[in-house]
Amino acid sequence: MTREGLTRLTGTVNGPTCDDDDCPNVYRHDERGSLIIQGSTFEGFRVPDGEALVEIPEGVLREAARALGW
């Protein structure tokens, strides 16, 4: 899967930058308007097939909200 069509909202705007792509981030899907979350896999409980739980720092979500003007 490529990142084409995604706008990175975190790691570059009003927050600490992440030079590589292996840190928690929030992306916006340009066509769908949905948010794509990148983070560490969370194993707290089992979710249905095709779904996943990820864990990201609160500051990453705050940065994404600022980038979206929320």
PDB file of N, CA and C in Angstrom:
ATOM      1  N   MET A   1       0.847  -1.183   0.000  1.00  0.00           N
ATOM      2  CA  MET A   1       0.000   0.000   0.000  1.00  0.00           C
ATOM      3  C   MET A   1       0.885   1.236   0.000  1.00  0.00           C
ATOM      4  N   THR A   2       0.507   2.230  -0.760  1.00  0.00           N
ATOM      5  CA  THR A   2       1.275   3.459  -0.822  1.00  0.00           C
ATOM      6  C   THR A   2       0.583   4.553  -0.022  1.00  0.00           C
ATOM      7  N   ARG A   3       1.293   5.633   0.188  1.00  0.00           N
ATOM      8  CA  ARG A   3       0.720   6.766   0.920  1.00  0.00           C
ATOM      9  C   ARG A   3       0.141   7.813  -0.025  1.00  0.00           C
ATOM     10  N   GLU A   4       0.059   7.480  -1.275  1.00  0.00           N
ATOM     11  CA  GLU A   4      -0.534   8.391  -2.242  1.00  0.00           C
ATOM     12  C   GLU A   4      -1.978   8.663  -1.851  1.00  0.00           C
ATOM     13  N   GLY A   5      -2.371   9.923  -1.850  1.00  0.00           N
ATOM     14  CA  GLY A   5      -3.731  10.266  -1.475  1.00  0.00           C
ATOM     15  C   GLY A   5      -3.899  10.523   0.010  1.00  0.00           C
ATOM     16  N   LEU A   6      -2.779  10.454   0.785  1.00  0.00           N
ATOM     17  CA  LEU A   6      -2.831  10.739   2.213  1.00  0.00           C
ATOM     18  C   LEU A   6      -2.077  12.020   2.510  1.00  0.00           C
ATOM     19  N   THR A   7      -2.633  12.835   3.390  1.00  0.00           N
ATOM     20  CA  THR A   7      -1.950  14.034   3.860  1.00  0.00           C
ATOM     21  C   THR A   7      -1.516  13.786   5.294  1.00  0.00           C
ATOM     22  N   ARG A   8      -0.223  13.916   5.548  1.00  0.00           N
ATOM     23  CA  ARG A   8       0.307  13.707   6.899  1.00  0.00           C
ATOM     24  C   ARG A   8      -0.024  14.930   7.750  1.00  0.00           C
ATOM     25  N   LEU A   9      -0.707  14.708   8.868  1.00  0.00           N
ATOM     26  CA  LEU A   9      -1.129  15.807   9.733  1.00  0.00           C
ATOM     27  C   LEU A   9      -0.199  16.012  10.913  1.00  0.00           C
ATOM     28  N   THR A  10       0.618  15.047  11.244  1.00  0.00           N
ATOM     29  CA  THR A  10       1.464  15.133  12.433  1.00  0.00           C
ATOM     30  C   THR A  10       2.926  14.896  12.079  1.00  0.00           C
ATOM     31  N   GLY A  11       3.786  15.308  13.004  1.00  0.00           N
ATOM     32  CA  GLY A  11       5.215  15.124  12.797  1.00  0.00           C
ATOM     33  C   GLY A  11       5.872  16.253  12.043  1.00  0.00           C
ATOM     34  N   THR A  12       5.077  17.171  11.498  1.00  0.00           N
ATOM     35  CA  THR A  12       5.663  18.270  10.727  1.00  0.00           C
ATOM     36  C   THR A  12       5.019  19.623  11.021  1.00  0.00           C
ATOM     37  N   VAL A  13       3.904  19.651  11.750  1.00  0.00           N
ATOM     38  CA  VAL A  13       3.166  20.894  11.968  1.00  0.00           C
ATOM     39  C   VAL A  13       3.075  21.187  13.469  1.00  0.00           C
ATOM     40  N   ASN A  14       3.668  22.281  13.922  1.00  0.00           N
ATOM     41  CA  ASN A  14       3.560  22.730  15.318  1.00  0.00           C
ATOM     42  C   ASN A  14       3.832  21.629  16.334  1.00  0.00           C
ATOM     43  N   GLY A  15       4.775  20.808  16.075  1.00  0.00           N
ATOM     44  CA  GLY A  15       5.093  19.740  17.008  1.00  0.00           C
ATOM     45  C   GLY A  15       6.447  19.152  16.682  1.00  0.00           C
ATOM     46  N   PRO A  16       6.886  18.223  17.484  1.00  0.00           N
ATOM     47  CA  PRO A  16       8.187  17.617  17.199  1.00  0.00           C
ATOM     48  C   PRO A  16       8.153  16.867  15.882  1.00  0.00           C
ATOM     49  N   THR A  17       9.168  17.062  15.085  1.00  0.00           N
ATOM     50  CA  THR A  17       9.200  16.368  13.790  1.00  0.00           C
ATOM     51  C   THR A  17       9.732  14.962  13.966  1.00  0.00           C
ATOM     52  N   CYS A  18       9.327  14.113  13.099  1.00  0.00           N
ATOM     53  CA  CYS A  18       9.775  12.727  13.082  1.00  0.00           C
ATOM     54  C   CYS A  18      10.417  12.507  11.726  1.00  0.00           C
ATOM     55  N   ASP A  19      11.719  12.361  11.712  1.00  0.00           N
ATOM     56  CA  ASP A  19      12.434  12.274  10.437  1.00  0.00           C
ATOM     57  C   ASP A  19      12.187  10.969   9.693  1.00  0.00           C
ATOM     58  N   ASP A  20      11.896   9.905  10.425  1.00  0.00           N
ATOM     59  CA  ASP A  20      11.607   8.647   9.743  1.00  0.00           C
ATOM     60  C   ASP A  20      10.120   8.348   9.872  1.00  0.00           C
ATOM     61  N   ASP A  21       9.659   7.337   9.188  1.00  0.00           N
ATOM     62  CA  ASP A  21       8.224   7.050   9.142  1.00  0.00           C
ATOM     63  C   ASP A  21       7.796   5.933  10.093  1.00  0.00           C
ATOM     64  N   ASP A  22       8.617   5.655  11.115  1.00  0.00           N
ATOM     65  CA  ASP A  22       8.264   4.573  12.017  1.00  0.00           C
ATOM     66  C   ASP A  22       7.727   5.072  13.355  1.00  0.00           C
ATOM     67  N   CYS A  23       7.298   6.323  13.419  1.00  0.00           N
ATOM     68  CA  CYS A  23       6.752   6.865  14.662  1.00  0.00           C
ATOM     69  C   CYS A  23       5.244   7.072  14.519  1.00  0.00           C
ATOM     70  N   PRO A  24       4.528   7.232  15.633  1.00  0.00           N
ATOM     71  CA  PRO A  24       3.080   7.445  15.557  1.00  0.00           C
ATOM     72  C   PRO A  24       2.739   8.683  14.730  1.00  0.00           C
ATOM     73  N   ASN A  25       1.754   8.567  13.869  1.00  0.00           N
ATOM     74  CA  ASN A  25       1.313   9.682  13.035  1.00  0.00           C
ATOM     75  C   ASN A  25      -0.168   9.556  12.727  1.00  0.00           C
ATOM     76  N   VAL A  26      -0.738  10.675  12.294  1.00  0.00           N
ATOM     77  CA  VAL A  26      -2.118  10.720  11.833  1.00  0.00           C
ATOM     78  C   VAL A  26      -2.102  11.266  10.413  1.00  0.00           C
ATOM     79  N   TYR A  27      -2.811  10.595   9.536  1.00  0.00           N
ATOM     80  CA  TYR A  27      -2.938  11.009   8.131  1.00  0.00           C
ATOM     81  C   TYR A  27      -4.412  11.239   7.820  1.00  0.00           C
ATOM     82  N   ARG A  28      -4.669  12.081   6.832  1.00  0.00           N
ATOM     83  CA  ARG A  28      -6.034  12.272   6.341  1.00  0.00           C
ATOM     84  C   ARG A  28      -6.115  11.721   4.928  1.00  0.00           C
ATOM     85  N   HIS A  29      -7.127  10.897   4.678  1.00  0.00           N
ATOM     86  CA  HIS A  29      -7.351  10.353   3.339  1.00  0.00           C
ATOM     87  C   HIS A  29      -7.975  11.461   2.507  1.00  0.00           C
ATOM     88  N   ASP A  30      -7.297  11.862   1.441  1.00  0.00           N
ATOM     89  CA  ASP A  30      -7.713  13.021   0.658  1.00  0.00           C
ATOM     90  C   ASP A  30      -9.085  12.863   0.011  1.00  0.00           C
ATOM     91  N   GLU A  31      -9.430  11.681  -0.443  1.00  0.00           N
ATOM     92  CA  GLU A  31     -10.718  11.480  -1.116  1.00  0.00           C
ATOM     93  C   GLU A  31     -11.853  11.195  -0.138  1.00  0.00           C
ATOM     94  N   ARG A  32     -11.585  10.383   0.867  1.00  0.00           N
ATOM     95  CA  ARG A  32     -12.635   9.964   1.793  1.00  0.00           C
ATOM     96  C   ARG A  32     -12.835  10.921   2.967  1.00  0.00           C
ATOM     97  N   GLY A  33     -11.795  11.699   3.295  1.00  0.00           N
ATOM     98  CA  GLY A  33     -11.879  12.583   4.448  1.00  0.00           C
ATOM     99  C   GLY A  33     -11.716  11.848   5.766  1.00  0.00           C
ATOM    100  N   SER A  34     -11.377  10.565   5.720  1.00  0.00           N
ATOM    101  CA  SER A  34     -11.201   9.788   6.948  1.00  0.00           C
ATOM    102  C   SER A  34      -9.786   9.960   7.476  1.00  0.00           C
ATOM    103  N   LEU A  35      -9.582   9.563   8.733  1.00  0.00           N
ATOM    104  CA  LEU A  35      -8.269   9.642   9.358  1.00  0.00           C
ATOM    105  C   LEU A  35      -7.646   8.256   9.413  1.00  0.00           C
ATOM    106  N   ILE A  36      -6.367   8.189   9.121  1.00  0.00           N
ATOM    107  CA  ILE A  36      -5.593   6.962   9.167  1.00  0.00           C
ATOM    108  C   ILE A  36      -4.592   7.130  10.306  1.00  0.00           C
ATOM    109  N   ILE A  37      -4.590   6.186  11.237  1.00  0.00           N
ATOM    110  CA  ILE A  37      -3.736   6.277  12.416  1.00  0.00           C
ATOM    111  C   ILE A  37      -2.602   5.266  12.308  1.00  0.00           C
ATOM    112  N   GLN A  38      -1.380   5.731  12.541  1.00  0.00           N
ATOM    113  CA  GLN A  38      -0.207   4.858  12.574  1.00  0.00           C
ATOM    114  C   GLN A  38       0.320   4.844  13.999  1.00  0.00           C
ATOM    115  N   GLY A  39       0.489   3.672  14.562  1.00  0.00           N
ATOM    116  CA  GLY A  39       1.007   3.568  15.919  1.00  0.00           C
ATOM    117  C   GLY A  39       1.389   2.139  16.242  1.00  0.00           C
ATOM    118  N   SER A  40       1.783   1.943  17.476  1.00  0.00           N
ATOM    119  CA  SER A  40       2.161   0.608  17.933  1.00  0.00           C
ATOM    120  C   SER A  40       0.908  -0.244  18.103  1.00  0.00           C
ATOM    121  N   THR A  41       0.995  -1.504  17.740  1.00  0.00           N
ATOM    122  CA  THR A  41      -0.132  -2.411  17.903  1.00  0.00           C
ATOM    123  C   THR A  41      -0.460  -2.562  19.383  1.00  0.00           C
ATOM    124  N   PHE A  42      -1.734  -2.457  19.712  1.00  0.00           N
ATOM    125  CA  PHE A  42      -2.204  -2.615  21.086  1.00  0.00           C
ATOM    126  C   PHE A  42      -2.870  -3.969  21.202  1.00  0.00           C
ATOM    127  N   GLU A  43      -2.451  -4.754  22.159  1.00  0.00           N
ATOM    128  CA  GLU A  43      -2.951  -6.124  22.318  1.00  0.00           C
ATOM    129  C   GLU A  43      -3.904  -6.257  23.503  1.00  0.00           C
ATOM    130  N   GLY A  44      -4.550  -5.163  23.932  1.00  0.00           N
ATOM    131  CA  GLY A  44      -5.392  -5.157  25.122  1.00  0.00           C
ATOM    132  C   GLY A  44      -6.606  -6.065  25.049  1.00  0.00           C
ATOM    133  N   PHE A  45      -7.193  -6.208  23.865  1.00  0.00           N
ATOM    134  CA  PHE A  45      -8.297  -7.130  23.662  1.00  0.00           C
ATOM    135  C   PHE A  45      -8.403  -7.445  22.185  1.00  0.00           C
ATOM    136  N   ARG A  46      -9.135  -8.471  21.860  1.00  0.00           N
ATOM    137  CA  ARG A  46      -9.250  -8.926  20.473  1.00  0.00           C
ATOM    138  C   ARG A  46     -10.357  -8.174  19.750  1.00  0.00           C
ATOM    139  N   VAL A  47     -10.073  -7.760  18.538  1.00  0.00           N
ATOM    140  CA  VAL A  47     -11.058  -7.062  17.710  1.00  0.00           C
ATOM    141  C   VAL A  47     -11.433  -7.955  16.529  1.00  0.00           C
ATOM    142  N   PRO A  48     -12.530  -7.644  15.833  1.00  0.00           N
ATOM    143  CA  PRO A  48     -12.946  -8.466  14.694  1.00  0.00           C
ATOM    144  C   PRO A  48     -11.886  -8.500  13.588  1.00  0.00           C
ATOM    145  N   ASP A  49     -11.917  -9.553  12.805  1.00  0.00           N
ATOM    146  CA  ASP A  49     -11.019  -9.663  11.655  1.00  0.00           C
ATOM    147  C   ASP A  49     -11.152  -8.436  10.774  1.00  0.00           C
ATOM    148  N   GLY A  50     -10.031  -7.955  10.274  1.00  0.00           N
ATOM    149  CA  GLY A  50     -10.023  -6.791   9.409  1.00  0.00           C
ATOM    150  C   GLY A  50      -9.892  -5.480  10.162  1.00  0.00           C
ATOM    151  N   GLU A  51      -9.880  -5.526  11.497  1.00  0.00           N
ATOM    152  CA  GLU A  51      -9.714  -4.328  12.310  1.00  0.00           C
ATOM    153  C   GLU A  51      -8.450  -4.457  13.149  1.00  0.00           C
ATOM    154  N   ALA A  52      -7.963  -3.333  13.652  1.00  0.00           N
ATOM    155  CA  ALA A  52      -6.777  -3.341  14.497  1.00  0.00           C
ATOM    156  C   ALA A  52      -6.886  -2.218  15.519  1.00  0.00           C
ATOM    157  N   LEU A  53      -6.196  -2.390  16.617  1.00  0.00           N
ATOM    158  CA  LEU A  53      -6.085  -1.351  17.624  1.00  0.00           C
ATOM    159  C   LEU A  53      -4.655  -0.821  17.579  1.00  0.00           C
ATOM    160  N   VAL A  54      -4.490   0.495  17.579  1.00  0.00           N
ATOM    161  CA  VAL A  54      -3.155   1.078  17.655  1.00  0.00           C
ATOM    162  C   VAL A  54      -3.118   2.055  18.813  1.00  0.00           C
ATOM    163  N   GLU A  55      -1.946   2.219  19.368  1.00  0.00           N
ATOM    164  CA  GLU A  55      -1.759   3.109  20.498  1.00  0.00           C
ATOM    165  C   GLU A  55      -0.829   4.238  20.078  1.00  0.00           C
ATOM    166  N   ILE A  56      -1.288   5.484  20.265  1.00  0.00           N
ATOM    167  CA  ILE A  56      -0.464   6.642  19.943  1.00  0.00           C
ATOM    168  C   ILE A  56      -0.536   7.635  21.091  1.00  0.00           C
ATOM    169  N   PRO A  57       0.497   8.454  21.265  1.00  0.00           N
ATOM    170  CA  PRO A  57       0.490   9.450  22.326  1.00  0.00           C
ATOM    171  C   PRO A  57      -0.611  10.484  22.129  1.00  0.00           C
ATOM    172  N   GLU A  58      -1.159  10.977  23.231  1.00  0.00           N
ATOM    173  CA  GLU A  58      -2.205  12.005  23.178  1.00  0.00           C
ATOM    174  C   GLU A  58      -1.748  13.234  22.398  1.00  0.00           C
ATOM    175  N   GLY A  59      -0.486  13.597  22.549  1.00  0.00           N
ATOM    176  CA  GLY A  59       0.036  14.773  21.851  1.00  0.00           C
ATOM    177  C   GLY A  59      -0.057  14.667  20.338  1.00  0.00           C
ATOM    178  N   VAL A  60       0.016  13.457  19.808  1.00  0.00           N
ATOM    179  CA  VAL A  60      -0.102  13.256  18.366  1.00  0.00           C
ATOM    180  C   VAL A  60      -1.520  13.597  17.913  1.00  0.00           C
ATOM    181  N   LEU A  61      -2.523  13.169  18.683  1.00  0.00           N
ATOM    182  CA  LEU A  61      -3.912  13.506  18.336  1.00  0.00           C
ATOM    183  C   LEU A  61      -4.169  15.002  18.458  1.00  0.00           C
ATOM    184  N   ARG A  62      -3.595  15.630  19.491  1.00  0.00           N
ATOM    185  CA  ARG A  62      -3.755  17.073  19.649  1.00  0.00           C
ATOM    186  C   ARG A  62      -3.150  17.820  18.465  1.00  0.00           C
ATOM    187  N   GLU A  63      -1.980  17.371  18.021  1.00  0.00           N
ATOM    188  CA  GLU A  63      -1.328  17.985  16.869  1.00  0.00           C
ATOM    189  C   GLU A  63      -2.182  17.837  15.606  1.00  0.00           C
ATOM    190  N   ALA A  64      -2.778  16.661  15.419  1.00  0.00           N
ATOM    191  CA  ALA A  64      -3.649  16.425  14.263  1.00  0.00           C
ATOM    192  C   ALA A  64      -4.865  17.326  14.327  1.00  0.00           C
ATOM    193  N   ALA A  65      -5.459  17.477  15.523  1.00  0.00           N
ATOM    194  CA  ALA A  65      -6.624  18.348  15.676  1.00  0.00           C
ATOM    195  C   ALA A  65      -6.270  19.792  15.325  1.00  0.00           C
ATOM    196  N   ARG A  66      -5.097  20.249  15.765  1.00  0.00           N
ATOM    197  CA  ARG A  66      -4.662  21.619  15.413  1.00  0.00           C
ATOM    198  C   ARG A  66      -4.488  21.759  13.903  1.00  0.00           C
ATOM    199  N   ALA A  67      -3.904  20.743  13.272  1.00  0.00           N
ATOM    200  CA  ALA A  67      -3.673  20.796  11.817  1.00  0.00           C
ATOM    201  C   ALA A  67      -4.999  20.869  11.058  1.00  0.00           C
ATOM    202  N   LEU A  68      -6.053  20.264  11.614  1.00  0.00           N
ATOM    203  CA  LEU A  68      -7.371  20.285  10.985  1.00  0.00           C
ATOM    204  C   LEU A  68      -8.191  21.514  11.383  1.00  0.00           C
ATOM    205  N   GLY A  69      -7.644  22.335  12.288  1.00  0.00           N
ATOM    206  CA  GLY A  69      -8.347  23.532  12.726  1.00  0.00           C
ATOM    207  C   GLY A  69      -9.444  23.267  13.727  1.00  0.00           C
ATOM    208  N   TRP A  70      -9.368  22.142  14.438  1.00  0.00           N
ATOM    209  CA  TRP A  70     -10.404  21.778  15.412  1.00  0.00           C
ATOM    210  C   TRP A  70     -10.142  22.413  16.737  1.00  0.00           C
TER     211      TRP A  70
END
